[in-house]
N, C-alpha and C. Protein backbone atom coordinates (compact mmCIF):
# COMPACT_ATOMS: atom_id res chain seq x y z
N MET A 1 71.68 72.11 87.62
CA MET A 1 72.29 72.68 88.84
C MET A 1 72.56 74.16 88.65
N THR A 2 72.05 74.97 89.55
CA THR A 2 72.25 76.41 89.46
C THR A 2 73.68 76.77 89.86
N GLU A 3 74.34 77.56 89.02
CA GLU A 3 75.72 77.95 89.31
C GLU A 3 75.76 78.95 90.46
N LYS A 4 76.74 78.76 91.34
CA LYS A 4 76.89 79.62 92.50
C LYS A 4 77.13 81.07 92.05
N LYS A 5 76.46 81.99 92.74
CA LYS A 5 76.63 83.41 92.41
C LYS A 5 78.03 83.89 92.74
N LEU A 6 78.49 84.85 91.95
CA LEU A 6 79.73 85.54 92.30
C LEU A 6 79.43 86.55 93.40
N ILE A 7 80.41 86.75 94.27
CA ILE A 7 80.26 87.71 95.36
C ILE A 7 81.30 88.81 95.20
N LEU A 8 80.83 90.04 95.25
CA LEU A 8 81.69 91.22 95.23
C LEU A 8 81.66 91.84 96.62
N ALA A 9 82.81 91.86 97.30
CA ALA A 9 82.90 92.41 98.65
C ALA A 9 83.24 93.89 98.60
N LEU A 10 82.42 94.69 99.28
CA LEU A 10 82.60 96.14 99.32
C LEU A 10 82.89 96.60 100.74
N PRO A 11 83.71 97.64 100.90
CA PRO A 11 84.05 98.11 102.25
C PRO A 11 83.02 99.08 102.81
N LYS A 12 82.64 98.88 104.07
CA LYS A 12 81.77 99.84 104.74
C LYS A 12 82.50 101.17 104.90
N GLY A 13 81.73 102.23 105.20
CA GLY A 13 82.36 103.51 105.50
C GLY A 13 82.45 104.44 104.31
N ARG A 14 83.38 105.38 104.39
CA ARG A 14 83.44 106.46 103.39
C ARG A 14 83.73 105.94 101.99
N ILE A 15 84.49 104.86 101.88
CA ILE A 15 84.83 104.35 100.55
C ILE A 15 83.60 103.79 99.84
N LEU A 16 82.62 103.32 100.60
CA LEU A 16 81.44 102.74 99.99
C LEU A 16 80.74 103.74 99.08
N GLU A 17 80.64 104.98 99.53
CA GLU A 17 80.01 106.01 98.70
C GLU A 17 80.84 106.31 97.46
N GLU A 18 82.17 106.31 97.63
CA GLU A 18 83.04 106.56 96.47
C GLU A 18 82.97 105.41 95.47
N CYS A 19 82.61 104.23 95.95
CA CYS A 19 82.47 103.08 95.04
C CYS A 19 81.28 103.24 94.11
N GLY A 20 80.28 104.01 94.54
CA GLY A 20 79.04 104.12 93.78
C GLY A 20 79.20 104.44 92.31
N PRO A 21 79.90 105.54 91.96
CA PRO A 21 80.06 105.87 90.54
C PRO A 21 80.83 104.81 89.76
N VAL A 22 81.79 104.16 90.41
CA VAL A 22 82.56 103.11 89.73
C VAL A 22 81.66 101.91 89.44
N LEU A 23 80.86 101.52 90.43
CA LEU A 23 79.93 100.41 90.22
C LEU A 23 78.94 100.74 89.09
N ALA A 24 78.42 101.96 89.12
CA ALA A 24 77.46 102.37 88.10
C ALA A 24 78.08 102.32 86.71
N ALA A 25 79.32 102.81 86.60
CA ALA A 25 80.01 102.81 85.31
C ALA A 25 80.31 101.39 84.83
N ALA A 26 80.45 100.46 85.81
CA ALA A 26 80.69 99.06 85.46
C ALA A 26 79.38 98.32 85.21
N GLY A 27 78.26 99.04 85.34
CA GLY A 27 76.96 98.45 85.07
C GLY A 27 76.38 97.66 86.22
N ILE A 28 76.85 97.93 87.45
CA ILE A 28 76.37 97.21 88.62
C ILE A 28 75.46 98.11 89.45
N VAL A 29 74.24 97.67 89.67
CA VAL A 29 73.29 98.43 90.48
C VAL A 29 72.83 97.54 91.63
N PRO A 30 73.41 97.71 92.82
CA PRO A 30 72.97 96.91 93.97
C PRO A 30 71.60 97.38 94.47
N ALA A 31 70.98 96.57 95.31
CA ALA A 31 69.74 96.97 95.96
C ALA A 31 69.96 98.28 96.70
N PRO A 32 69.00 99.21 96.67
CA PRO A 32 69.20 100.57 97.18
C PRO A 32 69.69 100.65 98.62
N ASP A 33 69.31 99.70 99.46
CA ASP A 33 69.67 99.81 100.87
C ASP A 33 71.11 99.41 101.17
N TYR A 34 71.91 99.07 100.14
CA TYR A 34 73.29 98.69 100.40
C TYR A 34 74.10 99.86 100.93
N LEU A 35 73.64 101.07 100.69
CA LEU A 35 74.33 102.27 101.16
C LEU A 35 73.84 102.74 102.53
N LYS A 36 72.77 102.15 103.02
CA LYS A 36 72.14 102.64 104.25
C LYS A 36 72.70 101.93 105.48
N ASP A 37 73.26 102.73 106.40
CA ASP A 37 73.77 102.16 107.65
C ASP A 37 72.65 101.49 108.45
N SER A 38 71.43 101.97 108.25
CA SER A 38 70.30 101.43 109.00
C SER A 38 69.89 100.04 108.53
N SER A 39 70.35 99.67 107.33
CA SER A 39 69.99 98.35 106.81
C SER A 39 70.72 97.26 107.58
N ARG A 40 69.99 96.26 108.01
CA ARG A 40 70.59 95.14 108.75
C ARG A 40 71.14 94.08 107.81
N ARG A 41 70.81 94.20 106.54
CA ARG A 41 71.33 93.23 105.58
C ARG A 41 72.82 93.47 105.35
N LEU A 42 73.54 92.40 105.09
CA LEU A 42 74.95 92.49 104.73
C LEU A 42 75.21 91.98 103.32
N ARG A 43 74.25 91.27 102.79
CA ARG A 43 74.35 90.76 101.42
C ARG A 43 73.19 91.31 100.60
N PHE A 44 73.51 91.78 99.39
CA PHE A 44 72.51 92.47 98.59
C PHE A 44 72.53 91.96 97.15
N PRO A 45 71.35 91.75 96.57
CA PRO A 45 71.31 91.40 95.15
C PRO A 45 71.65 92.61 94.29
N THR A 46 71.98 92.35 93.05
CA THR A 46 72.24 93.43 92.09
C THR A 46 71.35 93.21 90.87
N ASN A 47 71.49 94.09 89.89
CA ASN A 47 70.74 93.95 88.65
C ASN A 47 71.26 92.80 87.79
N HIS A 48 72.34 92.16 88.24
CA HIS A 48 72.87 90.97 87.55
C HIS A 48 72.53 89.75 88.40
N PRO A 49 71.69 88.85 87.90
CA PRO A 49 71.27 87.69 88.70
C PRO A 49 72.43 86.83 89.20
N GLU A 50 73.55 86.89 88.48
CA GLU A 50 74.68 86.05 88.85
C GLU A 50 75.64 86.73 89.82
N LEU A 51 75.32 87.97 90.26
CA LEU A 51 76.25 88.73 91.11
C LEU A 51 75.52 89.33 92.31
N ASP A 52 76.03 89.06 93.51
CA ASP A 52 75.59 89.72 94.73
C ASP A 52 76.76 90.53 95.29
N VAL A 53 76.43 91.56 96.08
CA VAL A 53 77.47 92.29 96.79
C VAL A 53 77.29 92.06 98.29
N VAL A 54 78.41 92.05 99.01
CA VAL A 54 78.37 91.99 100.47
C VAL A 54 79.08 93.23 101.00
N ARG A 55 78.62 93.71 102.13
CA ARG A 55 79.17 94.93 102.75
C ARG A 55 79.84 94.52 104.05
N VAL A 56 81.17 94.68 104.09
CA VAL A 56 81.93 94.24 105.26
C VAL A 56 82.92 95.33 105.67
N ARG A 57 83.56 95.15 106.81
CA ARG A 57 84.54 96.13 107.27
C ARG A 57 85.71 96.16 106.29
N PRO A 58 86.30 97.34 106.07
CA PRO A 58 87.38 97.47 105.08
C PRO A 58 88.49 96.43 105.24
N PHE A 59 88.93 96.17 106.49
CA PHE A 59 90.00 95.21 106.70
C PHE A 59 89.56 93.79 106.34
N ASP A 60 88.23 93.54 106.38
CA ASP A 60 87.75 92.18 106.13
C ASP A 60 87.56 91.87 104.65
N VAL A 61 87.53 92.90 103.81
CA VAL A 61 87.35 92.66 102.37
C VAL A 61 88.45 91.73 101.86
N ALA A 62 89.70 92.04 102.21
CA ALA A 62 90.83 91.23 101.74
C ALA A 62 90.72 89.79 102.25
N THR A 63 90.27 89.61 103.48
CA THR A 63 90.14 88.27 104.05
C THR A 63 89.06 87.48 103.34
N PHE A 64 87.92 88.11 103.06
CA PHE A 64 86.84 87.45 102.34
C PHE A 64 87.32 86.97 100.97
N VAL A 65 88.06 87.82 100.29
CA VAL A 65 88.54 87.47 98.94
C VAL A 65 89.66 86.43 99.02
N ALA A 66 90.60 86.61 99.93
CA ALA A 66 91.73 85.68 100.04
C ALA A 66 91.27 84.25 100.32
N PHE A 67 90.23 84.10 101.13
CA PHE A 67 89.76 82.77 101.51
C PHE A 67 88.62 82.27 100.62
N GLY A 68 88.29 83.03 99.56
CA GLY A 68 87.32 82.56 98.59
C GLY A 68 85.87 82.75 98.94
N ALA A 69 85.58 83.45 100.06
CA ALA A 69 84.19 83.73 100.40
C ALA A 69 83.59 84.74 99.42
N ALA A 70 84.44 85.59 98.86
CA ALA A 70 84.07 86.50 97.78
C ALA A 70 85.11 86.35 96.68
N GLU A 71 84.64 86.34 95.45
CA GLU A 71 85.59 86.19 94.33
C GLU A 71 86.25 87.50 93.95
N ILE A 72 85.53 88.61 94.19
CA ILE A 72 86.00 89.94 93.79
C ILE A 72 85.80 90.88 94.97
N GLY A 73 86.59 91.96 95.03
CA GLY A 73 86.41 92.94 96.09
C GLY A 73 87.01 94.28 95.73
N ILE A 74 86.67 95.27 96.53
CA ILE A 74 87.29 96.59 96.42
C ILE A 74 87.94 96.87 97.76
N CYS A 75 89.23 97.15 97.71
CA CYS A 75 90.03 97.14 98.93
C CYS A 75 91.12 98.20 98.86
N GLY A 76 91.37 98.86 99.97
CA GLY A 76 92.45 99.85 100.03
C GLY A 76 93.81 99.20 99.94
N ALA A 77 94.75 99.88 99.30
CA ALA A 77 96.11 99.35 99.20
C ALA A 77 96.75 99.20 100.57
N ASP A 78 96.29 99.98 101.55
CA ASP A 78 96.82 99.85 102.91
C ASP A 78 96.52 98.46 103.48
N VAL A 79 95.33 97.96 103.22
CA VAL A 79 94.94 96.63 103.71
C VAL A 79 95.78 95.55 103.01
N LEU A 80 96.00 95.71 101.71
CA LEU A 80 96.82 94.75 100.98
C LEU A 80 98.25 94.75 101.50
N MET A 81 98.77 95.93 101.82
CA MET A 81 100.12 96.03 102.38
C MET A 81 100.19 95.36 103.76
N GLU A 82 99.18 95.54 104.56
CA GLU A 82 99.19 95.00 105.91
C GLU A 82 99.13 93.47 105.92
N PHE A 83 98.26 92.89 105.08
CA PHE A 83 98.06 91.45 105.14
C PHE A 83 98.90 90.68 104.12
N ASP A 84 99.17 91.28 102.97
CA ASP A 84 100.04 90.67 101.95
C ASP A 84 99.62 89.23 101.63
N TYR A 85 98.33 89.04 101.37
CA TYR A 85 97.81 87.72 101.05
C TYR A 85 98.30 87.28 99.67
N SER A 86 98.91 86.11 99.59
CA SER A 86 99.37 85.60 98.30
C SER A 86 98.20 85.17 97.41
N GLU A 87 97.04 84.92 98.02
CA GLU A 87 95.87 84.45 97.27
C GLU A 87 95.15 85.57 96.53
N ILE A 88 95.60 86.81 96.74
CA ILE A 88 94.91 87.96 96.14
C ILE A 88 95.71 88.52 94.97
N TYR A 89 94.99 88.78 93.89
CA TYR A 89 95.54 89.46 92.71
C TYR A 89 94.83 90.80 92.61
N ALA A 90 95.60 91.87 92.49
CA ALA A 90 95.03 93.22 92.43
C ALA A 90 95.32 93.83 91.05
N PRO A 91 94.45 93.60 90.07
CA PRO A 91 94.75 94.00 88.70
C PRO A 91 94.51 95.46 88.37
N LEU A 92 93.82 96.20 89.26
CA LEU A 92 93.37 97.53 88.82
C LEU A 92 93.31 98.52 89.97
N ASP A 93 93.91 99.69 89.77
CA ASP A 93 93.79 100.82 90.69
C ASP A 93 92.54 101.59 90.28
N LEU A 94 91.58 101.70 91.21
CA LEU A 94 90.31 102.34 90.89
C LEU A 94 90.36 103.86 91.02
N GLY A 95 91.43 104.38 91.59
CA GLY A 95 91.58 105.84 91.69
C GLY A 95 90.63 106.50 92.67
N ILE A 96 90.11 105.72 93.64
CA ILE A 96 89.25 106.29 94.68
C ILE A 96 89.88 105.99 96.04
N GLY A 97 89.33 106.61 97.09
CA GLY A 97 89.86 106.37 98.43
C GLY A 97 91.29 106.86 98.59
N ILE A 98 91.60 107.99 97.97
CA ILE A 98 92.97 108.50 98.00
C ILE A 98 93.34 109.00 99.40
N CYS A 99 94.42 108.47 99.94
CA CYS A 99 94.92 108.89 101.24
C CYS A 99 96.35 108.39 101.38
N ARG A 100 96.86 108.31 102.59
CA ARG A 100 98.23 107.83 102.79
C ARG A 100 98.37 107.20 104.16
N VAL A 101 99.31 106.30 104.27
CA VAL A 101 99.68 105.74 105.57
C VAL A 101 100.90 106.53 106.04
N SER A 102 100.77 107.13 107.22
CA SER A 102 101.82 108.05 107.68
C SER A 102 102.18 107.83 109.14
N VAL A 103 103.36 108.33 109.48
CA VAL A 103 103.79 108.43 110.87
C VAL A 103 103.40 109.81 111.36
N ALA A 104 102.86 109.88 112.57
CA ALA A 104 102.52 111.19 113.16
C ALA A 104 102.94 111.19 114.62
N GLU A 105 103.24 112.38 115.13
CA GLU A 105 103.65 112.53 116.53
C GLU A 105 103.18 113.87 117.06
N PRO A 106 103.22 114.06 118.37
CA PRO A 106 102.75 115.32 118.94
C PRO A 106 103.52 116.51 118.38
N VAL A 107 102.80 117.60 118.12
CA VAL A 107 103.42 118.79 117.55
C VAL A 107 104.57 119.28 118.42
N GLY A 108 104.39 119.25 119.72
CA GLY A 108 105.43 119.76 120.61
C GLY A 108 106.67 118.92 120.67
N MET A 109 106.60 117.67 120.22
CA MET A 109 107.74 116.77 120.28
C MET A 109 108.42 116.58 118.94
N ALA A 110 107.73 116.94 117.87
CA ALA A 110 108.29 116.75 116.53
C ALA A 110 109.57 117.55 116.36
N GLY A 111 110.61 116.87 115.99
CA GLY A 111 111.89 117.55 115.76
C GLY A 111 112.69 117.81 117.01
N THR A 112 112.20 117.40 118.18
CA THR A 112 112.93 117.66 119.42
C THR A 112 114.00 116.61 119.68
N ASP A 113 113.90 115.45 118.99
CA ASP A 113 114.97 114.47 119.07
C ASP A 113 115.25 113.93 117.68
N ASP A 114 116.34 113.24 117.54
CA ASP A 114 116.76 112.76 116.23
C ASP A 114 116.20 111.36 116.00
N ALA A 115 115.08 111.30 115.26
CA ALA A 115 114.44 110.01 115.01
C ALA A 115 115.36 109.04 114.31
N ALA A 116 116.33 109.55 113.55
CA ALA A 116 117.25 108.69 112.82
C ALA A 116 118.14 107.89 113.78
N ARG A 117 118.23 108.35 115.03
CA ARG A 117 119.09 107.66 116.00
C ARG A 117 118.32 106.77 116.97
N TRP A 118 117.01 106.68 116.79
CA TRP A 118 116.24 105.81 117.65
C TRP A 118 116.69 104.36 117.48
N SER A 119 116.78 103.62 118.57
CA SER A 119 117.02 102.18 118.48
C SER A 119 115.71 101.42 118.66
N GLN A 120 114.78 102.04 119.37
CA GLN A 120 113.45 101.45 119.53
C GLN A 120 112.44 102.56 119.75
N VAL A 121 111.19 102.24 119.44
CA VAL A 121 110.13 103.23 119.59
C VAL A 121 108.81 102.49 119.79
N ARG A 122 107.95 103.06 120.61
CA ARG A 122 106.62 102.47 120.80
C ARG A 122 105.66 103.16 119.84
N VAL A 123 104.93 102.34 119.09
CA VAL A 123 104.05 102.84 118.02
C VAL A 123 102.64 102.32 118.23
N ALA A 124 101.66 103.22 118.22
CA ALA A 124 100.25 102.81 118.26
C ALA A 124 99.74 102.75 116.82
N SER A 125 99.11 101.65 116.45
CA SER A 125 98.66 101.53 115.07
C SER A 125 97.70 100.37 114.90
N LYS A 126 96.84 100.47 113.89
CA LYS A 126 96.04 99.32 113.47
C LYS A 126 96.74 98.59 112.33
N TYR A 127 97.96 99.06 112.02
CA TYR A 127 98.79 98.45 110.98
C TYR A 127 100.09 97.92 111.58
N PRO A 128 100.04 96.89 112.41
CA PRO A 128 101.26 96.42 113.07
C PRO A 128 102.34 95.95 112.09
N ASN A 129 101.95 95.29 111.02
CA ASN A 129 102.94 94.78 110.07
C ASN A 129 103.59 95.90 109.28
N ILE A 130 102.78 96.85 108.81
CA ILE A 130 103.33 97.99 108.07
C ILE A 130 104.27 98.79 108.97
N ALA A 131 103.82 99.07 110.19
CA ALA A 131 104.63 99.86 111.12
C ALA A 131 105.94 99.15 111.45
N ARG A 132 105.85 97.86 111.74
CA ARG A 132 107.05 97.11 112.11
C ARG A 132 108.05 97.07 110.96
N ARG A 133 107.55 96.82 109.74
CA ARG A 133 108.45 96.79 108.57
C ARG A 133 109.08 98.14 108.31
N HIS A 134 108.28 99.20 108.46
CA HIS A 134 108.78 100.54 108.19
C HIS A 134 109.94 100.90 109.11
N PHE A 135 109.77 100.67 110.39
CA PHE A 135 110.82 101.04 111.34
C PHE A 135 112.00 100.06 111.27
N ALA A 136 111.73 98.78 111.00
CA ALA A 136 112.82 97.81 110.87
C ALA A 136 113.75 98.17 109.72
N ALA A 137 113.19 98.72 108.65
CA ALA A 137 114.01 99.13 107.50
C ALA A 137 114.97 100.25 107.87
N ARG A 138 114.68 100.94 108.98
CA ARG A 138 115.56 102.01 109.47
C ARG A 138 116.39 101.56 110.67
N GLY A 139 116.35 100.24 110.93
CA GLY A 139 117.12 99.70 112.04
C GLY A 139 116.53 100.01 113.40
N VAL A 140 115.24 100.31 113.43
CA VAL A 140 114.56 100.65 114.68
C VAL A 140 113.61 99.53 115.07
N GLN A 141 113.70 99.08 116.31
CA GLN A 141 112.78 98.07 116.81
C GLN A 141 111.50 98.76 117.27
N ALA A 142 110.39 98.38 116.67
CA ALA A 142 109.11 99.00 117.00
C ALA A 142 108.31 98.10 117.93
N GLU A 143 107.96 98.64 119.07
CA GLU A 143 107.03 97.96 119.97
C GLU A 143 105.63 98.44 119.59
N ILE A 144 104.81 97.54 119.11
CA ILE A 144 103.51 97.92 118.56
C ILE A 144 102.41 97.81 119.61
N VAL A 145 101.69 98.90 119.80
CA VAL A 145 100.46 98.88 120.57
C VAL A 145 99.32 98.82 119.56
N HIS A 146 98.68 97.66 119.45
CA HIS A 146 97.68 97.45 118.40
C HIS A 146 96.34 98.04 118.84
N LEU A 147 95.92 99.10 118.16
CA LEU A 147 94.63 99.73 118.40
C LEU A 147 93.80 99.68 117.13
N ASN A 148 92.48 99.62 117.28
CA ASN A 148 91.60 99.61 116.12
C ASN A 148 90.99 100.98 115.84
N GLY A 149 91.21 101.93 116.73
CA GLY A 149 90.68 103.27 116.54
C GLY A 149 91.23 104.20 117.60
N ALA A 150 90.91 105.49 117.47
CA ALA A 150 91.34 106.52 118.43
C ALA A 150 92.85 106.53 118.62
N MET A 151 93.57 106.26 117.54
CA MET A 151 95.03 106.27 117.57
C MET A 151 95.58 107.61 118.05
N GLU A 152 94.87 108.68 117.70
CA GLU A 152 95.36 110.02 117.99
C GLU A 152 95.49 110.30 119.48
N LEU A 153 94.80 109.52 120.30
CA LEU A 153 94.88 109.70 121.75
C LEU A 153 96.16 109.12 122.35
N ALA A 154 96.74 108.17 121.67
CA ALA A 154 97.82 107.37 122.26
C ALA A 154 99.04 108.17 122.72
N PRO A 155 99.60 109.07 121.90
CA PRO A 155 100.79 109.79 122.36
C PRO A 155 100.51 110.69 123.56
N GLY A 156 99.39 111.39 123.54
CA GLY A 156 99.06 112.32 124.62
C GLY A 156 98.80 111.63 125.95
N LEU A 157 98.39 110.36 125.89
CA LEU A 157 98.11 109.61 127.12
C LEU A 157 99.27 108.69 127.50
N GLY A 158 100.39 108.85 126.82
CA GLY A 158 101.58 108.08 127.16
C GLY A 158 101.58 106.64 126.69
N LEU A 159 100.67 106.33 125.79
CA LEU A 159 100.57 104.96 125.30
C LEU A 159 101.62 104.66 124.24
N SER A 160 102.05 105.69 123.51
CA SER A 160 103.06 105.50 122.47
C SER A 160 103.79 106.81 122.21
N ARG A 161 104.93 106.69 121.54
CA ARG A 161 105.69 107.88 121.15
C ARG A 161 105.14 108.47 119.86
N VAL A 162 104.78 107.57 118.93
CA VAL A 162 104.24 107.99 117.63
C VAL A 162 103.07 107.09 117.27
N ILE A 163 102.38 107.44 116.20
CA ILE A 163 101.34 106.58 115.65
C ILE A 163 101.62 106.35 114.17
N VAL A 164 101.10 105.26 113.66
CA VAL A 164 101.07 105.01 112.22
C VAL A 164 99.61 104.82 111.86
N ASP A 165 99.09 105.69 111.01
CA ASP A 165 97.67 105.66 110.73
C ASP A 165 97.38 106.15 109.32
N LEU A 166 96.13 105.96 108.91
CA LEU A 166 95.67 106.44 107.62
C LEU A 166 95.36 107.93 107.73
N VAL A 167 95.86 108.71 106.80
CA VAL A 167 95.65 110.16 106.82
C VAL A 167 95.06 110.59 105.48
N GLU A 168 93.98 111.37 105.56
CA GLU A 168 93.38 111.91 104.34
C GLU A 168 93.67 113.40 104.24
N THR A 169 93.11 114.19 105.13
CA THR A 169 93.34 115.65 105.09
C THR A 169 94.30 116.10 106.19
N GLY A 170 94.44 115.30 107.23
CA GLY A 170 95.28 115.70 108.36
C GLY A 170 94.53 116.49 109.41
N SER A 171 93.25 116.74 109.19
CA SER A 171 92.48 117.57 110.12
C SER A 171 92.29 116.88 111.48
N THR A 172 92.12 115.56 111.47
CA THR A 172 91.97 114.83 112.73
C THR A 172 93.26 114.87 113.53
N LEU A 173 94.38 114.72 112.85
CA LEU A 173 95.68 114.84 113.53
C LEU A 173 95.81 116.21 114.18
N LYS A 174 95.53 117.24 113.40
CA LYS A 174 95.67 118.62 113.89
C LYS A 174 94.76 118.88 115.09
N ALA A 175 93.54 118.38 115.02
CA ALA A 175 92.58 118.59 116.10
C ALA A 175 93.02 117.92 117.40
N ASN A 176 93.92 116.93 117.27
CA ASN A 176 94.38 116.21 118.45
C ASN A 176 95.85 116.48 118.77
N GLY A 177 96.36 117.59 118.24
CA GLY A 177 97.70 118.02 118.60
C GLY A 177 98.83 117.22 117.99
N LEU A 178 98.57 116.56 116.87
CA LEU A 178 99.58 115.76 116.20
C LEU A 178 99.93 116.35 114.84
N MET A 179 101.08 115.97 114.33
CA MET A 179 101.45 116.37 112.98
C MET A 179 102.05 115.19 112.23
N GLU A 180 101.81 115.17 110.95
CA GLU A 180 102.34 114.12 110.08
C GLU A 180 103.83 114.37 109.87
N THR A 181 104.66 113.40 110.18
CA THR A 181 106.11 113.60 110.06
C THR A 181 106.75 112.77 108.96
N GLU A 182 106.03 111.75 108.49
CA GLU A 182 106.59 110.91 107.42
C GLU A 182 105.48 110.15 106.72
N VAL A 183 105.52 110.12 105.41
CA VAL A 183 104.57 109.34 104.62
C VAL A 183 105.20 107.99 104.31
N ILE A 184 104.55 106.94 104.76
CA ILE A 184 105.05 105.59 104.47
C ILE A 184 104.63 105.14 103.08
N ALA A 185 103.37 105.39 102.72
CA ALA A 185 102.87 104.96 101.42
C ALA A 185 101.64 105.75 101.04
N HIS A 186 101.53 106.06 99.76
CA HIS A 186 100.30 106.66 99.23
C HIS A 186 99.34 105.52 98.89
N VAL A 187 98.07 105.75 99.17
CA VAL A 187 97.08 104.68 99.12
C VAL A 187 95.90 105.06 98.24
N SER A 188 95.38 104.09 97.52
CA SER A 188 94.11 104.22 96.82
C SER A 188 93.43 102.85 96.85
N SER A 189 92.19 102.79 96.42
CA SER A 189 91.46 101.53 96.45
C SER A 189 91.69 100.74 95.17
N ARG A 190 91.78 99.43 95.33
CA ARG A 190 92.07 98.53 94.21
C ARG A 190 90.94 97.53 94.00
N LEU A 191 90.79 97.11 92.77
CA LEU A 191 89.94 95.95 92.49
C LEU A 191 90.80 94.72 92.77
N ILE A 192 90.28 93.81 93.59
CA ILE A 192 91.03 92.60 93.91
C ILE A 192 90.21 91.37 93.55
N VAL A 193 90.90 90.29 93.20
CA VAL A 193 90.22 89.04 92.87
C VAL A 193 90.96 87.88 93.53
N ASN A 194 90.22 86.81 93.78
CA ASN A 194 90.81 85.59 94.30
C ASN A 194 91.49 84.85 93.15
N ARG A 195 92.76 84.49 93.34
CA ARG A 195 93.54 83.88 92.26
C ARG A 195 92.94 82.55 91.80
N THR A 196 92.46 81.76 92.74
CA THR A 196 91.87 80.47 92.38
C THR A 196 90.60 80.67 91.56
N ALA A 197 89.78 81.64 91.98
CA ALA A 197 88.55 81.93 91.23
C ALA A 197 88.87 82.39 89.81
N LEU A 198 89.94 83.16 89.68
CA LEU A 198 90.34 83.64 88.35
C LEU A 198 90.74 82.47 87.45
N LYS A 199 91.35 81.44 88.06
CA LYS A 199 91.76 80.27 87.28
C LYS A 199 90.57 79.36 86.95
N THR A 200 89.64 79.23 87.89
CA THR A 200 88.51 78.31 87.68
C THR A 200 87.34 78.95 86.93
N LYS A 201 87.24 80.28 87.00
CA LYS A 201 86.18 80.99 86.30
C LYS A 201 86.77 82.16 85.51
N PRO A 202 87.70 81.86 84.61
CA PRO A 202 88.44 82.94 83.94
C PRO A 202 87.56 83.86 83.10
N GLU A 203 86.53 83.31 82.45
CA GLU A 203 85.68 84.15 81.59
C GLU A 203 84.83 85.09 82.42
N GLN A 204 84.21 84.55 83.49
CA GLN A 204 83.36 85.38 84.34
C GLN A 204 84.16 86.48 85.05
N ILE A 205 85.22 86.07 85.72
CA ILE A 205 86.03 87.03 86.47
C ILE A 205 86.71 88.01 85.51
N GLY A 206 87.22 87.49 84.41
CA GLY A 206 87.88 88.35 83.43
C GLY A 206 86.94 89.40 82.86
N ALA A 207 85.68 89.00 82.66
CA ALA A 207 84.69 89.95 82.13
C ALA A 207 84.44 91.09 83.11
N TRP A 208 84.40 90.77 84.41
CA TRP A 208 84.18 91.83 85.41
C TRP A 208 85.40 92.73 85.53
N ILE A 209 86.58 92.15 85.43
CA ILE A 209 87.79 92.99 85.46
C ILE A 209 87.76 93.96 84.29
N ALA A 210 87.37 93.48 83.12
CA ALA A 210 87.31 94.33 81.92
C ALA A 210 86.27 95.44 82.11
N LYS A 211 85.13 95.12 82.74
CA LYS A 211 84.11 96.15 82.96
C LYS A 211 84.60 97.23 83.92
N PHE A 212 85.29 96.82 84.97
CA PHE A 212 85.84 97.80 85.91
C PHE A 212 86.94 98.62 85.26
N ARG A 213 87.75 97.98 84.42
CA ARG A 213 88.82 98.72 83.74
C ARG A 213 88.22 99.78 82.82
N GLU A 214 87.15 99.43 82.12
CA GLU A 214 86.46 100.39 81.26
C GLU A 214 85.82 101.51 82.09
N ALA A 215 85.28 101.15 83.24
CA ALA A 215 84.66 102.14 84.13
C ALA A 215 85.68 103.17 84.60
N VAL A 216 86.87 102.70 84.96
CA VAL A 216 87.95 103.61 85.40
C VAL A 216 88.38 104.51 84.25
N ALA A 217 88.47 103.95 83.06
CA ALA A 217 88.89 104.72 81.88
C ALA A 217 87.90 105.83 81.57
N GLN A 218 86.62 105.62 81.90
CA GLN A 218 85.59 106.61 81.62
C GLN A 218 85.58 107.78 82.60
N ARG A 219 86.19 107.58 83.78
CA ARG A 219 86.12 108.59 84.83
C ARG A 219 87.05 109.76 84.54
């Protein structure tokens, strides 16, 4: 009986390119078209017959790993904070995908009222759980407008007072008349594994964790 291949879930988008050097240092060479947006494939073989990679949306990496569809993944800490899956173990910070989850508001409104005295606020975000927890810790009830993109439009169109979003350079905020007013968390990408897979395949999963740890040490 042929043993089932291990699956490594990778996030589409900008982080995928940053994953390249880490994968190479860990000795993983996926099929060349895994980086091409034009490729219709979502699952790719690697130079290791026992390992395939899948390319999915960043938010879905954690779900694939949590539910055992992939044993290993690379995932932003923001996604782990948002979903807080108990089935996921994150043993290693890969030091890539550096950014932050922040609160932002229109430049003209920043500082015009005392945010510390808000009792409630409407927030546009793709991170409803992070946003809700953040404001609840300050005694503020957050009404969440759940958006998957174009968050920067929300305050100017009256959809929300503030946004909670991922910020890298701040240039997109600036271009849309917003400014970062508070950093909720600094974020980087992590190696994640399914806890059950780690228990049932400790040697295989452990070996890949060790290879990624060595790859990070070399960078």
